[in-house]
Amino acid sequence: MQETLEPTSHLHHLNKEGKQPSLSFASIAIREATQRLPLPREAAADALLKEAVERLGQDVAPEPELVAALPPDDEQAMQAIQAWIQQERYNQALSAGKIIAERQPDPPLKWAIWTEVGQSLFAFEAYDHAVVAYRQATQHAQDEMVAWFNLGLALQTLGQVEEALHCYQRADQLQPDHPKVWCNLGALYFQLDDYESSIQASHRALHFKPDYARAWDNLAAALGATDQLVDAARCCVKAIKIRPDYFEAWLKLAIIYYHAGSLPQAEQAFSRAQQLEPDSLYVLTYMAMILARTGDPSAAKERIRYAAELLPESSLLWKVWMEIGAAYEKQDKATSALEAYQQATFAHPQAFEAWATLGRLQNHLEMPEDAQRSFSQAIKCRPDPAQAWRDIGRLAHDSQDFACAVSAFQQQTELAPENPVAWKDLGESLQAAGRSSEAADILQKAKQLVKDQVTQTSGI
């Protein structure tokens, strides 16, 4: 771990006077990155699980062909099960597991057979069938912590978090000091958006095992999701020092640096993450955004087109196009910027910022009809039209497009004529646009509205 990535040296501006910022984009990005992987067989899980359970629940004897095909020696029979699993004949493997388990004279041996079958199914990502095997294991070893832990893990992987929580709690009752149970609870609480419980569970895991890299990474995710970004970065560094090849920790650390504006450190961390997972969509998109922010939007376009081929439906792509558009605007390449913002709206049609920014640039380029269509689409993305026009106005004002800002704030005042903030926004934009006389009248109106509201509230 190079010293340049220590968060204390590059994130110090985030916690001046002991305060931490509310960097919502960073928190959202960390949440998305932590939950970025699809659950492998979730779509088919319900039907396959039902079929497997019905097969195991039958009181009739298994098919004669299966009994005949299964070697009488248990070790050879388990090898046959392994072969069926490799061939994706999961129901046959479960039925064979039932036969072998019934041969065993006592419950611990039955539990051992079902555990081995479940682990083999889990290793081949047949999580739905692994649940069936692990359920059988818990029936034969209800006081065995590992049985409940395995079942909880398989259920959690399938996204059945409520039942998984029950399994982990049972495992904790049986062995309260096991760090893996608390580590997985930390991840599970994160899935439930219960970040405080996730933090507590991760701390508990680290209490029992201070060098537990996965627990440090879970803690980083929960801290990052609650805007505790400096502490989250420190946890990432701890995880990386324990496991230098820990992709998830490098990714989170890079995201934090990016949203904190520490682009050289972000690029360094993303580069390391890319070495570990070359086709990671998150790494590709963020590296494209770094290229755009550092003044190379053309290279960013090439990078993002490759990422779009990997995962065209990703919600990340529009953000990259926004960065590319902003980079082109800084280079006074309005046509290229316009194209980038249009790509952003294609990538995410419900993105208010994309439509509003596109409309602002179209208005600046004297394309009034196109601008009005874009603003109309932006308004549809927000439940409150007055607030939407205010957001459009502030976006234009921040971009120093004061004419567009004035127009947007005028729309806001028409929708909310009794709101002094609306008139204040309009007055400030008029002032910035050099229309001082009009601005003075509007700002005076805003002050009068405030006085009137105070008078009405006080009952004078």
Protein backbone atom coordinates (compact mmCIF):
# COMPACT_ATOMS: atom_id res chain seq x y z
CA MET A 1 0.00 0.00 0.00
CA GLN A 2 1.62 3.24 -1.08
CA GLU A 3 1.67 6.14 1.34
CA THR A 4 0.02 8.43 -1.23
CA LEU A 5 -3.27 6.58 -0.78
CA GLU A 6 -3.53 7.20 2.96
CA PRO A 7 -6.84 9.04 3.44
CA THR A 8 -5.55 11.36 6.16
CA SER A 9 -3.33 13.16 3.65
CA HIS A 10 -5.83 13.59 0.82
CA LEU A 11 -9.25 13.75 2.51
CA HIS A 12 -8.38 16.18 5.29
CA HIS A 13 -10.59 18.86 3.71
CA LEU A 14 -13.63 16.64 4.23
CA ASN A 15 -13.60 16.81 8.03
CA LYS A 16 -12.50 20.28 9.03
CA GLU A 17 -13.59 21.14 12.56
CA GLY A 18 -14.49 17.50 13.04
CA LYS A 19 -17.36 17.69 10.57
CA GLN A 20 -17.93 15.27 7.71
CA PRO A 21 -19.60 16.36 4.48
CA SER A 22 -22.81 15.14 2.98
CA LEU A 23 -21.45 13.93 -0.33
CA SER A 24 -24.59 12.21 -1.50
CA PHE A 25 -23.14 11.14 -4.85
CA ALA A 26 -20.27 9.33 -3.12
CA SER A 27 -22.62 7.61 -0.69
CA ILE A 28 -24.98 6.54 -3.48
CA ALA A 29 -22.05 5.30 -5.56
CA ILE A 30 -20.72 3.24 -2.67
CA ARG A 31 -24.15 1.71 -2.09
CA GLU A 32 -24.45 0.86 -5.80
CA ALA A 33 -20.93 -0.54 -5.97
CA THR A 34 -21.48 -2.72 -2.91
CA GLN A 35 -24.68 -4.14 -4.36
CA ARG A 36 -23.47 -4.15 -7.96
CA LEU A 37 -23.36 -7.92 -8.61
CA PRO A 38 -26.55 -9.63 -9.78
CA LEU A 39 -27.72 -12.65 -7.81
CA PRO A 40 -26.63 -15.51 -10.09
CA ARG A 41 -29.67 -17.75 -10.32
CA GLU A 42 -32.33 -15.64 -8.63
CA ALA A 43 -34.65 -15.41 -11.63
CA ALA A 44 -35.04 -19.18 -11.86
CA ALA A 45 -34.80 -19.82 -8.14
CA ASP A 46 -38.48 -20.07 -7.19
CA ALA A 47 -39.47 -22.65 -9.81
CA LEU A 48 -36.35 -24.76 -9.40
CA LEU A 49 -36.57 -24.63 -5.62
CA LYS A 50 -40.20 -25.73 -5.63
CA GLU A 51 -39.39 -28.63 -7.94
CA ALA A 52 -36.45 -29.74 -5.79
CA VAL A 53 -38.42 -29.53 -2.55
CA GLU A 54 -41.29 -31.51 -4.02
CA ARG A 55 -38.83 -34.13 -5.22
CA LEU A 56 -37.27 -34.49 -1.77
CA GLY A 57 -40.63 -34.44 -0.03
CA GLN A 58 -41.95 -37.48 -1.83
CA ASP A 59 -42.51 -40.49 0.39
CA VAL A 60 -42.14 -42.91 -2.49
CA ALA A 61 -38.81 -44.54 -3.22
CA PRO A 62 -36.46 -42.76 -5.66
CA GLU A 63 -36.41 -43.88 -9.29
CA PRO A 64 -35.01 -47.39 -9.76
CA GLU A 65 -32.60 -46.07 -12.40
CA LEU A 66 -31.09 -43.63 -9.91
CA VAL A 67 -30.73 -46.31 -7.21
CA ALA A 68 -29.08 -48.61 -9.73
CA ALA A 69 -26.73 -45.86 -10.96
CA LEU A 70 -25.57 -44.93 -7.48
CA PRO A 71 -22.52 -46.88 -6.23
CA PRO A 72 -23.06 -48.71 -2.92
CA ASP A 73 -19.85 -47.23 -1.52
CA ASP A 74 -20.56 -43.81 0.00
CA GLU A 75 -17.33 -42.22 -1.18
CA GLN A 76 -17.91 -43.36 -4.76
CA ALA A 77 -21.55 -42.28 -4.52
CA MET A 78 -20.48 -38.77 -3.49
CA GLN A 79 -18.15 -38.67 -6.49
CA ALA A 80 -21.14 -39.53 -8.69
CA ILE A 81 -23.06 -36.63 -7.13
CA GLN A 82 -20.15 -34.32 -7.92
CA ALA A 83 -20.27 -35.44 -11.55
CA TRP A 84 -24.03 -34.79 -11.78
CA ILE A 85 -23.59 -31.33 -10.31
CA GLN A 86 -20.93 -30.54 -12.90
CA GLN A 87 -23.46 -31.63 -15.54
CA GLU A 88 -26.07 -29.30 -13.93
CA ARG A 89 -28.26 -32.30 -13.02
CA TYR A 90 -29.04 -30.73 -9.66
CA ASN A 91 -32.29 -32.51 -8.84
CA GLN A 92 -30.65 -35.87 -9.51
CA ALA A 93 -27.77 -34.87 -7.19
CA LEU A 94 -30.25 -33.93 -4.43
CA SER A 95 -32.16 -37.19 -4.79
CA ALA A 96 -28.90 -39.12 -4.65
CA GLY A 97 -27.91 -37.15 -1.55
CA LYS A 98 -31.14 -38.24 0.09
CA ILE A 99 -30.36 -41.91 -0.63
CA ILE A 100 -26.85 -41.65 0.82
CA ALA A 101 -28.04 -39.73 3.87
CA GLU A 102 -30.69 -42.37 4.61
CA ARG A 103 -27.97 -45.03 4.62
CA GLN A 104 -26.25 -43.34 7.57
CA PRO A 105 -26.92 -44.76 11.05
CA ASP A 106 -27.00 -41.49 13.06
CA PRO A 107 -27.88 -37.77 12.58
CA PRO A 108 -24.30 -36.35 12.59
CA LEU A 109 -23.42 -38.49 9.57
CA LYS A 110 -26.64 -37.48 7.80
CA TRP A 111 -25.78 -33.84 8.49
CA ALA A 112 -22.28 -34.35 7.10
CA ILE A 113 -23.64 -35.83 3.84
CA TRP A 114 -26.14 -33.00 3.30
CA THR A 115 -23.51 -30.41 4.14
CA GLU A 116 -21.12 -31.83 1.55
CA VAL A 117 -23.87 -31.92 -1.09
CA GLY A 118 -24.86 -28.34 -0.25
CA GLN A 119 -21.29 -27.09 -0.46
CA SER A 120 -20.82 -28.70 -3.85
CA LEU A 121 -24.03 -27.14 -5.17
CA PHE A 122 -23.06 -23.76 -3.72
CA ALA A 123 -19.61 -23.96 -5.34
CA PHE A 124 -21.30 -24.39 -8.75
CA GLU A 125 -23.61 -21.42 -8.04
CA ALA A 126 -26.69 -23.65 -7.79
CA TYR A 127 -27.73 -21.61 -4.77
CA ASP A 128 -31.40 -22.54 -4.91
CA HIS A 129 -30.59 -26.24 -4.71
CA ALA A 130 -27.92 -25.63 -2.09
CA VAL A 131 -30.68 -24.16 0.10
CA VAL A 132 -32.57 -27.45 -0.17
CA ALA A 133 -29.51 -29.44 0.91
CA TYR A 134 -28.67 -27.07 3.76
CA ARG A 135 -32.26 -27.21 5.02
CA GLN A 136 -31.93 -30.97 5.25
CA ALA A 137 -28.64 -30.51 7.13
CA THR A 138 -30.29 -28.29 9.77
CA GLN A 139 -33.00 -30.93 10.34
CA HIS A 140 -30.34 -33.43 11.34
CA ALA A 141 -28.20 -30.97 13.34
CA GLN A 142 -30.44 -28.30 14.80
CA ASP A 143 -27.80 -27.32 17.36
CA GLU A 144 -24.91 -27.16 14.90
CA MET A 145 -23.79 -23.58 14.20
CA VAL A 146 -22.24 -24.41 10.81
CA ALA A 147 -25.52 -25.87 9.53
CA TRP A 148 -27.40 -22.61 10.20
CA PHE A 149 -24.52 -20.49 8.92
CA ASN A 150 -24.42 -22.37 5.59
CA LEU A 151 -28.18 -22.09 5.14
CA GLY A 152 -28.05 -18.38 5.95
CA LEU A 153 -25.28 -17.81 3.43
CA ALA A 154 -27.16 -19.58 0.62
CA LEU A 155 -30.38 -17.70 1.39
CA GLN A 156 -28.52 -14.39 1.57
CA THR A 157 -26.92 -15.06 -1.81
CA LEU A 158 -30.40 -15.60 -3.27
CA GLY A 159 -31.59 -12.33 -1.75
CA GLN A 160 -33.89 -14.01 0.78
CA VAL A 161 -32.50 -11.78 3.50
CA GLU A 162 -35.24 -12.03 6.12
CA GLU A 163 -34.93 -15.80 6.39
CA ALA A 164 -31.15 -15.53 6.18
CA LEU A 165 -31.23 -13.14 9.14
CA HIS A 166 -33.11 -15.75 11.19
CA CYS A 167 -30.46 -18.37 10.31
CA TYR A 168 -27.55 -16.12 11.29
CA GLN A 169 -29.26 -15.20 14.55
CA ARG A 170 -29.68 -18.90 15.32
CA ALA A 171 -26.00 -19.49 14.48
CA ASP A 172 -25.04 -16.65 16.82
CA GLN A 173 -27.08 -18.19 19.63
CA LEU A 174 -25.14 -21.41 19.19
CA GLN A 175 -21.71 -19.74 18.95
CA PRO A 176 -21.82 -16.06 19.91
CA ASP A 177 -18.18 -15.24 19.23
CA HIS A 178 -17.82 -16.39 15.62
CA PRO A 179 -16.51 -13.53 13.42
CA LYS A 180 -17.88 -14.98 10.15
CA VAL A 181 -21.43 -14.87 11.49
CA TRP A 182 -21.08 -11.22 12.47
CA CYS A 183 -19.31 -10.37 9.21
CA ASN A 184 -22.16 -11.84 7.16
CA LEU A 185 -24.68 -10.10 9.39
CA GLY A 186 -22.93 -6.85 8.55
CA ALA A 187 -23.36 -7.53 4.84
CA LEU A 188 -26.96 -8.64 5.32
CA TYR A 189 -27.96 -5.53 7.27
CA PHE A 190 -26.44 -3.51 4.43
CA GLN A 191 -28.75 -5.33 1.99
CA LEU A 192 -31.65 -4.30 4.23
CA ASP A 193 -30.46 -0.64 4.15
CA ASP A 194 -29.98 -0.85 7.93
CA TYR A 195 -26.56 0.78 7.89
CA GLU A 196 -26.28 1.41 11.64
CA SER A 197 -26.82 -2.29 12.38
CA SER A 198 -24.34 -3.12 9.63
CA ILE A 199 -21.74 -0.91 11.31
CA GLN A 200 -22.37 -2.53 14.69
CA ALA A 201 -22.19 -6.07 13.28
CA SER A 202 -18.96 -5.32 11.41
CA HIS A 203 -17.40 -3.87 14.57
CA ARG A 204 -18.45 -7.04 16.40
CA ALA A 205 -16.74 -9.22 13.76
CA LEU A 206 -13.57 -7.15 14.06
CA HIS A 207 -13.68 -7.43 17.84
CA PHE A 208 -13.24 -11.19 17.46
CA LYS A 209 -10.90 -10.99 14.44
CA PRO A 210 -9.11 -7.64 13.99
CA ASP A 211 -7.37 -8.72 10.78
CA TYR A 212 -10.62 -9.68 9.01
CA ALA A 213 -10.38 -7.92 5.64
CA ARG A 214 -13.95 -8.65 4.60
CA ALA A 215 -15.30 -7.20 7.84
CA TRP A 216 -13.25 -4.02 7.28
CA ASP A 217 -14.70 -3.81 3.77
CA ASN A 218 -18.26 -4.27 5.08
CA LEU A 219 -17.63 -1.55 7.63
CA ALA A 220 -16.29 0.73 4.89
CA ALA A 221 -19.45 0.17 2.84
CA ALA A 222 -21.80 1.01 5.71
CA LEU A 223 -19.78 4.06 6.77
CA GLY A 224 -19.63 5.25 3.18
CA ALA A 225 -23.37 4.78 2.76
CA THR A 226 -23.93 7.09 5.74
CA ASP A 227 -21.56 9.82 4.46
CA GLN A 228 -18.80 8.96 6.95
CA LEU A 229 -16.36 9.02 4.08
CA VAL A 230 -13.07 9.65 5.86
CA ASP A 231 -13.66 6.73 8.22
CA ALA A 232 -14.82 4.62 5.28
CA ALA A 233 -11.58 5.36 3.42
CA ARG A 234 -9.53 4.38 6.46
CA CYS A 235 -11.37 1.05 6.62
CA CYS A 236 -10.65 0.45 2.93
CA VAL A 237 -6.96 1.04 3.57
CA LYS A 238 -7.01 -1.41 6.50
CA ALA A 239 -8.67 -4.06 4.31
CA ILE A 240 -6.13 -3.51 1.53
CA LYS A 241 -3.18 -3.76 3.93
CA ILE A 242 -4.50 -7.15 5.03
CA ARG A 243 -5.40 -8.27 1.48
CA PRO A 244 -3.56 -6.23 -1.17
CA ASP A 245 -5.62 -7.87 -3.95
CA TYR A 246 -9.00 -6.98 -2.44
CA PHE A 247 -10.87 -5.55 -5.43
CA GLU A 248 -13.95 -4.33 -3.55
CA ALA A 249 -11.86 -2.31 -1.08
CA TRP A 250 -9.83 -0.71 -3.88
CA LEU A 251 -13.07 0.16 -5.70
CA LYS A 252 -14.66 1.84 -2.69
CA LEU A 253 -11.48 3.76 -1.90
CA ALA A 254 -11.26 4.96 -5.49
CA ILE A 255 -14.91 6.10 -5.49
CA ILE A 256 -14.35 8.10 -2.30
CA TYR A 257 -11.28 9.82 -3.73
CA TYR A 258 -13.11 10.59 -6.97
CA HIS A 259 -16.06 12.28 -5.30
CA ALA A 260 -13.72 14.11 -2.92
CA GLY A 261 -11.98 15.62 -5.96
CA SER A 262 -8.66 13.84 -5.37
CA LEU A 263 -8.38 12.68 -8.98
CA PRO A 264 -4.71 11.50 -9.00
CA GLN A 265 -5.36 9.27 -6.01
CA ALA A 266 -8.65 8.09 -7.52
CA GLU A 267 -6.94 7.20 -10.77
CA GLN A 268 -4.24 5.30 -8.91
CA ALA A 269 -6.80 3.29 -6.93
CA PHE A 270 -9.00 2.62 -9.98
CA SER A 271 -5.94 1.46 -11.94
CA ARG A 272 -5.14 -1.06 -9.21
CA ALA A 273 -8.78 -2.21 -9.19
CA GLN A 274 -8.68 -2.62 -12.97
CA GLN A 275 -5.62 -4.85 -12.69
CA LEU A 276 -7.69 -7.12 -10.45
CA GLU A 277 -10.91 -7.03 -12.53
CA PRO A 278 -10.17 -5.69 -16.04
CA ASP A 279 -13.79 -5.71 -17.22
CA SER A 280 -15.40 -4.15 -14.15
CA LEU A 281 -18.07 -1.75 -15.38
CA TYR A 282 -17.60 0.48 -12.36
CA VAL A 283 -13.89 0.85 -12.99
CA LEU A 284 -14.37 1.47 -16.72
CA THR A 285 -17.00 4.15 -16.18
CA TYR A 286 -15.15 5.97 -13.46
CA MET A 287 -11.91 5.88 -15.43
CA ALA A 288 -13.87 7.41 -18.32
CA MET A 289 -15.15 10.16 -16.00
CA ILE A 290 -11.60 10.86 -14.83
CA LEU A 291 -10.49 11.21 -18.46
CA ALA A 292 -13.33 13.65 -19.07
CA ARG A 293 -12.58 15.68 -15.94
CA THR A 294 -8.89 15.89 -16.79
CA GLY A 295 -9.62 17.26 -20.27
CA ASP A 296 -9.66 14.24 -22.57
CA PRO A 297 -13.35 13.70 -23.45
CA SER A 298 -12.54 11.90 -26.72
CA ALA A 299 -10.68 9.15 -24.84
CA ALA A 300 -13.54 9.06 -22.34
CA LYS A 301 -16.00 8.43 -25.18
CA GLU A 302 -14.00 5.44 -26.38
CA ARG A 303 -13.85 4.03 -22.86
CA ILE A 304 -17.57 4.45 -22.22
CA ARG A 305 -18.57 2.89 -25.54
CA TYR A 306 -16.62 -0.21 -24.57
CA ALA A 307 -18.36 -0.22 -21.18
CA ALA A 308 -21.75 0.14 -22.88
CA GLU A 309 -21.04 -2.97 -24.95
CA LEU A 310 -20.44 -4.90 -21.72
CA LEU A 311 -23.58 -3.71 -19.98
CA PRO A 312 -25.80 -1.43 -22.08
CA GLU A 313 -28.52 -1.14 -19.41
CA SER A 314 -26.23 0.19 -16.68
CA SER A 315 -27.50 3.20 -14.72
CA LEU A 316 -23.93 4.50 -14.57
CA LEU A 317 -23.47 5.33 -18.23
CA TRP A 318 -25.44 8.57 -18.25
CA LYS A 319 -23.18 10.04 -15.56
CA VAL A 320 -20.15 9.50 -17.77
CA TRP A 321 -21.83 11.21 -20.72
CA MET A 322 -22.58 14.15 -18.44
CA GLU A 323 -18.89 14.44 -17.53
CA ILE A 324 -17.94 14.20 -21.21
CA GLY A 325 -20.42 16.95 -22.09
CA ALA A 326 -19.06 19.21 -19.35
CA ALA A 327 -15.50 18.62 -20.60
CA TYR A 328 -16.46 19.57 -24.16
CA GLU A 329 -18.18 22.72 -22.90
CA LYS A 330 -15.00 23.78 -21.14
CA GLN A 331 -13.22 23.35 -24.49
CA ASP A 332 -15.91 25.47 -26.23
CA LYS A 333 -16.96 22.46 -28.32
CA ALA A 334 -20.69 23.03 -28.02
CA THR A 335 -21.76 20.57 -30.71
CA SER A 336 -19.82 17.72 -29.12
CA ALA A 337 -21.18 18.69 -25.71
CA LEU A 338 -24.72 18.68 -27.07
CA GLU A 339 -24.21 15.18 -28.46
CA ALA A 340 -22.86 13.96 -25.11
CA TYR A 341 -25.81 15.35 -23.15
CA GLN A 342 -28.20 13.75 -25.65
CA GLN A 343 -26.44 10.43 -25.08
CA ALA A 344 -26.97 10.94 -21.35
CA THR A 345 -30.73 11.28 -21.87
CA PHE A 346 -30.75 8.14 -24.03
CA ALA A 347 -28.85 6.21 -21.36
CA HIS A 348 -31.17 7.36 -18.56
CA PRO A 349 -34.46 8.92 -19.77
CA GLN A 350 -35.56 9.67 -16.18
CA ALA A 351 -32.44 11.67 -15.27
CA PHE A 352 -33.58 15.21 -14.46
CA GLU A 353 -30.04 16.60 -14.56
CA ALA A 354 -29.44 15.23 -18.07
CA TRP A 355 -32.57 16.80 -19.56
CA ALA A 356 -32.08 20.08 -17.69
CA THR A 357 -28.45 20.40 -18.78
CA LEU A 358 -29.34 19.54 -22.37
CA GLY A 359 -32.08 22.19 -22.32
CA ARG A 360 -29.72 24.79 -20.86
CA LEU A 361 -27.17 24.25 -23.63
CA GLN A 362 -29.85 24.21 -26.34
CA ASN A 363 -31.18 27.50 -24.98
CA HIS A 364 -27.66 28.96 -25.00
CA LEU A 365 -27.24 27.84 -28.63
CA GLU A 366 -30.52 29.59 -29.53
CA MET A 367 -32.46 26.38 -30.10
CA PRO A 368 -35.62 27.48 -28.21
CA GLU A 369 -37.97 24.75 -29.37
CA ASP A 370 -35.49 21.99 -28.58
CA ALA A 371 -34.73 23.61 -25.23
CA GLN A 372 -38.41 23.76 -24.32
CA ARG A 373 -38.85 20.07 -25.14
CA SER A 374 -35.86 19.16 -22.99
CA PHE A 375 -37.09 21.30 -20.09
CA SER A 376 -40.53 19.69 -20.39
CA GLN A 377 -38.92 16.25 -20.09
CA ALA A 378 -36.93 17.45 -17.06
CA ILE A 379 -40.12 18.70 -15.38
CA LYS A 380 -41.70 15.27 -15.83
CA CYS A 381 -38.85 13.75 -13.82
CA ARG A 382 -39.77 15.77 -10.72
CA PRO A 383 -43.04 15.67 -8.74
CA ASP A 384 -42.97 19.42 -7.94
CA PRO A 385 -42.86 21.61 -11.10
CA ALA A 386 -41.92 24.78 -9.19
CA GLN A 387 -38.99 23.04 -7.52
CA ALA A 388 -38.00 21.55 -10.87
CA TRP A 389 -37.81 25.00 -12.47
CA ARG A 390 -35.81 26.20 -9.50
CA ASP A 391 -33.34 23.34 -9.97
CA ILE A 392 -33.09 24.16 -13.67
CA GLY A 393 -32.46 27.80 -12.81
CA ARG A 394 -29.78 27.02 -10.26
CA LEU A 395 -28.08 24.64 -12.68
CA ALA A 396 -28.03 27.39 -15.33
CA HIS A 397 -26.90 30.01 -12.78
CA ASP A 398 -24.03 27.81 -11.60
CA SER A 399 -23.01 27.40 -15.25
CA GLN A 400 -23.10 31.23 -15.58
CA ASP A 401 -25.85 31.00 -18.17
CA PHE A 402 -27.78 33.80 -16.50
CA ALA A 403 -30.29 34.36 -19.30
CA CYS A 404 -31.43 30.75 -19.03
CA ALA A 405 -31.48 31.03 -15.22
CA VAL A 406 -33.69 34.14 -15.38
CA SER A 407 -36.13 32.36 -17.67
CA ALA A 408 -36.31 29.32 -15.37
CA PHE A 409 -36.79 31.40 -12.23
CA GLN A 410 -39.56 33.36 -13.94
CA GLN A 411 -41.33 30.05 -14.49
CA GLN A 412 -40.80 29.28 -10.80
CA THR A 413 -42.37 32.58 -9.69
CA GLU A 414 -45.40 31.97 -11.90
CA LEU A 415 -45.96 28.59 -10.24
CA ALA A 416 -45.15 29.79 -6.70
CA PRO A 417 -45.94 33.55 -6.64
CA GLU A 418 -46.12 33.69 -2.83
CA ASN A 419 -42.74 32.05 -2.30
CA PRO A 420 -40.12 34.70 -1.42
CA VAL A 421 -37.29 32.29 -2.25
CA ALA A 422 -38.52 32.12 -5.86
CA TRP A 423 -38.35 35.90 -6.20
CA LYS A 424 -34.97 36.03 -4.47
CA ASP A 425 -33.60 33.46 -6.96
CA LEU A 426 -34.92 35.55 -9.84
CA GLY A 427 -33.49 38.77 -8.43
CA GLU A 428 -30.04 37.29 -7.94
CA SER A 429 -29.94 35.95 -11.49
CA LEU A 430 -31.10 39.28 -12.90
CA GLN A 431 -28.33 40.96 -10.93
CA ALA A 432 -25.75 38.47 -12.24
CA ALA A 433 -27.05 39.10 -15.77
CA GLY A 434 -26.34 42.84 -15.37
CA ARG A 435 -30.00 43.85 -15.10
CA SER A 436 -29.52 45.69 -11.80
CA SER A 437 -32.61 47.89 -11.87
CA GLU A 438 -34.98 44.95 -12.41
CA ALA A 439 -33.06 42.91 -9.85
CA ALA A 440 -33.54 45.60 -7.17
CA ASP A 441 -37.32 45.62 -7.67
CA ILE A 442 -37.54 41.83 -7.56
CA LEU A 443 -35.36 41.51 -4.46
CA GLN A 444 -37.48 44.17 -2.74
CA LYS A 445 -40.56 42.12 -3.58
CA ALA A 446 -38.93 39.06 -2.01
CA LYS A 447 -38.23 41.01 1.20
CA GLN A 448 -41.82 42.27 1.32
CA LEU A 449 -43.17 38.75 0.97
CA VAL A 450 -41.05 37.67 3.93
CA LYS A 451 -42.37 40.57 6.02
CA ASP A 452 -45.96 39.76 5.06
CA GLN A 453 -45.52 36.12 6.06
CA VAL A 454 -44.02 37.12 9.42
CA THR A 455 -46.94 39.50 10.04
CA GLN A 456 -49.50 36.80 9.21
CA THR A 457 -47.76 34.28 11.40
CA SER A 458 -47.53 36.63 14.38
CA GLY A 459 -51.16 37.67 14.07
CA ILE A 460 -50.33 41.38 14.12
